[in-house]
PDB file of N, CA and C in Angstrom:
ATOM      1  N   MET A   1      79.255  97.428 151.542  1.00  0.00           N
ATOM      2  CA  MET A   1      78.807  97.698 152.441  1.00  0.00           C
ATOM      3  C   MET A   1      76.755  98.229 151.674  1.00  0.00           C
ATOM      4  N   LEU A   2      77.335  99.190 150.577  1.00  0.00           N
ATOM      5  CA  LEU A   2      76.341  99.570 149.889  1.00  0.00           C
ATOM      6  C   LEU A   2      75.077  98.681 149.908  1.00  0.00           C
ATOM      7  N   LEU A   3      75.532  97.238 149.445  1.00  0.00           N
ATOM      8  CA  LEU A   3      74.467  96.436 148.948  1.00  0.00           C
ATOM      9  C   LEU A   3      73.675  95.931 149.878  1.00  0.00           C
ATOM     10  N   LEU A   4      74.332  95.682 151.713  1.00  0.00           N
ATOM     11  CA  LEU A   4      73.796  95.814 152.439  1.00  0.00           C
ATOM     12  C   LEU A   4      72.857  96.958 153.233  1.00  0.00           C
ATOM     13  N   HIS A   5      73.400  97.796 152.453  1.00  0.00           N
ATOM     14  CA  HIS A   5      72.414  99.138 153.032  1.00  0.00           C
ATOM     15  C   HIS A   5      71.438  98.979 152.157  1.00  0.00           C
ATOM     16  N   LYS A   6      71.226  98.651 151.008  1.00  0.00           N
ATOM     17  CA  LYS A   6      70.153  98.879 150.243  1.00  0.00           C
ATOM     18  C   LYS A   6      69.168  97.562 150.632  1.00  0.00           C
ATOM     19  N   LEU A   7      69.526  96.239 151.056  1.00  0.00           N
ATOM     20  CA  LEU A   7      68.725  95.245 151.312  1.00  0.00           C
ATOM     21  C   LEU A   7      68.192  95.186 152.923  1.00  0.00           C
ATOM     22  N   ILE A   8      69.142  96.313 153.998  1.00  0.00           N
ATOM     23  CA  ILE A   8      68.279  96.448 154.921  1.00  0.00           C
ATOM     24  C   ILE A   8      67.401  97.267 154.874  1.00  0.00           C
ATOM     25  N   SER A   9      67.748  98.828 154.116  1.00  0.00           N
ATOM     26  CA  SER A   9      66.418  99.331 153.766  1.00  0.00           C
ATOM     27  C   SER A   9      65.227  98.913 153.122  1.00  0.00           C
ATOM     28  N   GLU A  10      65.434  97.950 152.415  1.00  0.00           N
ATOM     29  CA  GLU A  10      64.017  97.343 151.480  1.00  0.00           C
ATOM     30  C   GLU A  10      63.225  96.449 152.643  1.00  0.00           C
ATOM     31  N   ILE A  11      64.023  95.715 153.230  1.00  0.00           N
ATOM     32  CA  ILE A  11      63.294  94.874 154.554  1.00  0.00           C
ATOM     33  C   ILE A  11      62.627  95.703 155.508  1.00  0.00           C
ATOM     34  N   TYR A  12      63.558  96.560 155.626  1.00  0.00           N
ATOM     35  CA  TYR A  12      62.782  97.804 156.916  1.00  0.00           C
ATOM     36  C   TYR A  12      61.449  97.939 155.932  1.00  0.00           C
ATOM     37  N   THR A  13      61.481  98.829 154.839  1.00  0.00           N
ATOM     38  CA  THR A  13      60.048  99.217 154.569  1.00  0.00           C
ATOM     39  C   THR A  13      59.071  98.281 154.599  1.00  0.00           C
ATOM     40  N   ILE A  14      59.480  97.239 154.173  1.00  0.00           N
ATOM     41  CA  ILE A  14      58.275  95.848 153.924  1.00  0.00           C
ATOM     42  C   ILE A  14      57.702  95.734 155.451  1.00  0.00           C
ATOM     43  N   VAL A  15      58.882  95.574 156.563  1.00  0.00           N
ATOM     44  CA  VAL A  15      58.358  95.590 157.829  1.00  0.00           C
ATOM     45  C   VAL A  15      57.486  96.365 158.399  1.00  0.00           C
ATOM     46  N   GLU A  16      57.869  97.860 157.957  1.00  0.00           N
ATOM     47  CA  GLU A  16      57.046  99.164 158.664  1.00  0.00           C
ATOM     48  C   GLU A  16      55.855  99.156 157.935  1.00  0.00           C
ATOM     49  N   THR A  17      55.551  98.825 156.795  1.00  0.00           N
ATOM     50  CA  THR A  17      54.264  98.442 155.844  1.00  0.00           C
ATOM     51  C   THR A  17      53.557  97.497 156.284  1.00  0.00           C
ATOM     52  N   ASP A  18      53.833  96.485 157.454  1.00  0.00           N
ATOM     53  CA  ASP A  18      53.237  95.036 157.685  1.00  0.00           C
ATOM     54  C   ASP A  18      53.040  94.182 156.568  1.00  0.00           C
ATOM     55  N   LYS A  19      53.516  94.534 155.667  1.00  0.00           N
ATOM     56  CA  LYS A  19      53.441  93.532 154.336  1.00  0.00           C
ATOM     57  C   LYS A  19      53.990  92.209 154.995  1.00  0.00           C
ATOM     58  N   LYS A  20      53.777  91.129 154.230  1.00  0.00           N
ATOM     59  CA  LYS A  20      54.018  89.819 154.267  1.00  0.00           C
ATOM     60  C   LYS A  20      55.639  89.864 153.725  1.00  0.00           C
ATOM     61  N   LEU A  21      56.525  89.428 154.107  1.00  0.00           N
ATOM     62  CA  LEU A  21      57.969  89.665 153.925  1.00  0.00           C
ATOM     63  C   LEU A  21      57.889  88.451 152.909  1.00  0.00           C
ATOM     64  N   ASN A  22      58.322  88.537 151.615  1.00  0.00           N
ATOM     65  CA  ASN A  22      58.542  87.668 150.564  1.00  0.00           C
ATOM     66  C   ASN A  22      60.211  88.004 149.880  1.00  0.00           C
ATOM     67  N   ILE A  23      61.165  87.104 150.385  1.00  0.00           N
ATOM     68  CA  ILE A  23      62.622  87.144 149.834  1.00  0.00           C
ATOM     69  C   ILE A  23      62.674  87.206 148.377  1.00  0.00           C
ATOM     70  N   TYR A  24      61.675  86.696 147.775  1.00  0.00           N
ATOM     71  CA  TYR A  24      62.090  87.099 146.380  1.00  0.00           C
ATOM     72  C   TYR A  24      61.324  88.447 145.951  1.00  0.00           C
ATOM     73  N   ALA A  25      60.971  89.207 146.735  1.00  0.00           N
ATOM     74  CA  ALA A  25      60.748  90.582 146.568  1.00  0.00           C
ATOM     75  C   ALA A  25      62.208  91.124 146.506  1.00  0.00           C
ATOM     76  N   LEU A  26      63.008  90.990 147.097  1.00  0.00           N
ATOM     77  CA  LEU A  26      64.482  91.623 147.154  1.00  0.00           C
ATOM     78  C   LEU A  26      65.423  91.097 145.602  1.00  0.00           C
ATOM     79  N   LYS A  27      64.873  90.250 144.962  1.00  0.00           N
ATOM     80  CA  LYS A  27      65.291  90.094 143.924  1.00  0.00           C
ATOM     81  C   LYS A  27      65.819  91.738 142.837  1.00  0.00           C
ATOM     82  N   GLY A  28      67.155  91.635 142.730  1.00  0.00           N
ATOM     83  CA  GLY A  28      67.543  92.775 141.965  1.00  0.00           C
ATOM     84  C   GLY A  28      67.704  93.919 142.905  1.00  0.00           C
ATOM     85  N   VAL A  29      67.680  93.959 144.059  1.00  0.00           N
ATOM     86  CA  VAL A  29      68.038  95.045 144.580  1.00  0.00           C
ATOM     87  C   VAL A  29      69.470  95.659 144.805  1.00  0.00           C
ATOM     88  N   GLY A  30      70.186  96.579 144.482  1.00  0.00           N
ATOM     89  CA  GLY A  30      71.085  96.575 144.860  1.00  0.00           C
ATOM     90  C   GLY A  30      72.035  96.157 143.358  1.00  0.00           C
ATOM     91  N   LYS A  31      71.385  95.774 142.104  1.00  0.00           N
ATOM     92  CA  LYS A  31      72.346  95.399 141.408  1.00  0.00           C
ATOM     93  C   LYS A  31      73.241  96.157 140.563  1.00  0.00           C
ATOM     94  N   GLU A  32      72.872  97.577 140.646  1.00  0.00           N
ATOM     95  CA  GLU A  32      73.288  99.026 139.902  1.00  0.00           C
ATOM     96  C   GLU A  32      74.799  98.885 140.526  1.00  0.00           C
ATOM     97  N   VAL A  33      74.792  98.362 141.809  1.00  0.00           N
ATOM     98  CA  VAL A  33      76.472  98.142 142.424  1.00  0.00           C
ATOM     99  C   VAL A  33      77.406  97.758 142.097  1.00  0.00           C
ATOM    100  N   TRP A  34      76.941  96.811 141.072  1.00  0.00           N
ATOM    101  CA  TRP A  34      77.641  95.650 140.234  1.00  0.00           C
ATOM    102  C   TRP A  34      77.913  96.416 138.697  1.00  0.00           C
ATOM    103  N   ASN A  35      77.153  97.344 138.249  1.00  0.00           N
ATOM    104  CA  ASN A  35      77.371  97.326 136.937  1.00  0.00           C
ATOM    105  C   ASN A  35      78.751  97.944 136.582  1.00  0.00           C
ATOM    106  N   GLY A  36      79.397  97.457 135.479  1.00  0.00           N
ATOM    107  CA  GLY A  36      80.897  97.756 134.777  1.00  0.00           C
ATOM    108  C   GLY A  36      81.901  97.121 135.525  1.00  0.00           C
ATOM    109  N   ILE A  37      81.139  96.216 136.613  1.00  0.00           N
ATOM    110  CA  ILE A  37      82.332  95.193 137.222  1.00  0.00           C
ATOM    111  C   ILE A  37      82.343  93.897 136.632  1.00  0.00           C
ATOM    112  N   ASP A  38      83.368  93.122 136.016  1.00  0.00           N
ATOM    113  CA  ASP A  38      83.703  92.018 135.493  1.00  0.00           C
ATOM    114  C   ASP A  38      83.829  91.127 136.705  1.00  0.00           C
ATOM    115  N   ALA A  39      82.696  90.403 136.919  1.00  0.00           N
ATOM    116  CA  ALA A  39      82.515  89.013 137.843  1.00  0.00           C
ATOM    117  C   ALA A  39      83.554  88.296 137.691  1.00  0.00           C
ATOM    118  N   GLN A  40      84.306  87.744 136.924  1.00  0.00           N
ATOM    119  CA  GLN A  40      85.766  87.207 137.422  1.00  0.00           C
ATOM    120  C   GLN A  40      86.987  87.676 137.901  1.00  0.00           C
ATOM    121  N   GLU A  41      86.825  89.204 137.170  1.00  0.00           N
ATOM    122  CA  GLU A  41      87.695  89.759 137.830  1.00  0.00           C
ATOM    123  C   GLU A  41      87.812  90.057 139.338  1.00  0.00           C
ATOM    124  N   TYR A  42      86.077  90.554 139.602  1.00  0.00           N
ATOM    125  CA  TYR A  42      86.244  90.675 141.231  1.00  0.00           C
ATOM    126  C   TYR A  42      86.630  89.414 142.002  1.00  0.00           C
ATOM    127  N   VAL A  43      86.307  88.365 141.482  1.00  0.00           N
ATOM    128  CA  VAL A  43      86.296  86.847 142.426  1.00  0.00           C
ATOM    129  C   VAL A  43      87.930  86.819 142.450  1.00  0.00           C
ATOM    130  N   ASP A  44      88.717  87.159 141.131  1.00  0.00           N
ATOM    131  CA  ASP A  44      89.969  86.745 141.325  1.00  0.00           C
ATOM    132  C   ASP A  44      90.823  87.669 142.117  1.00  0.00           C
ATOM    133  N   LYS A  45      90.258  88.927 142.425  1.00  0.00           N
ATOM    134  CA  LYS A  45      91.040  89.795 143.274  1.00  0.00           C
ATOM    135  C   LYS A  45      90.655  89.355 144.776  1.00  0.00           C
ATOM    136  N   GLU A  46      89.283  88.955 145.249  1.00  0.00           N
ATOM    137  CA  GLU A  46      89.186  88.770 146.274  1.00  0.00           C
ATOM    138  C   GLU A  46      90.266  87.779 146.744  1.00  0.00           C
ATOM    139  N   ARG A  47      90.007  86.389 145.627  1.00  0.00           N
ATOM    140  CA  ARG A  47      90.977  85.224 146.154  1.00  0.00           C
ATOM    141  C   ARG A  47      92.745  85.681 146.280  1.00  0.00           C
ATOM    142  N   ALA A  48      92.638  86.446 145.543  1.00  0.00           N
ATOM    143  CA  ALA A  48      94.038  87.044 145.519  1.00  0.00           C
ATOM    144  C   ALA A  48      94.713  87.509 147.000  1.00  0.00           C
ATOM    145  N   VAL A  49      93.701  88.214 147.602  1.00  0.00           N
ATOM    146  CA  VAL A  49      93.535  88.735 149.302  1.00  0.00           C
ATOM    147  C   VAL A  49      93.981  87.774 149.896  1.00  0.00           C
ATOM    148  N   TRP A  50      93.087  86.603 149.989  1.00  0.00           N
ATOM    149  CA  TRP A  50      93.123  85.548 150.732  1.00  0.00           C
ATOM    150  C   TRP A  50      94.532  84.799 151.089  1.00  0.00           C
ATOM    151  N   GLU A  51      95.346  84.676 149.651  1.00  0.00           N
ATOM    152  CA  GLU A  51      97.026  84.129 149.811  1.00  0.00           C
ATOM    153  C   GLU A  51      97.597  85.064 150.602  1.00  0.00           C
TER     154      GLU A  51
END
């Protein structure tokens, strides 16, 4: 949810300033959300919920 909020905020800011939207400008937005989280452990937990 935090990541989605950050993306929406960035896109809204771009739209508000009438800049041309460049999807590459969003690279790295919200990366701090994943600090300290092991990607494989996260994926394993998510997959376990599916079963």
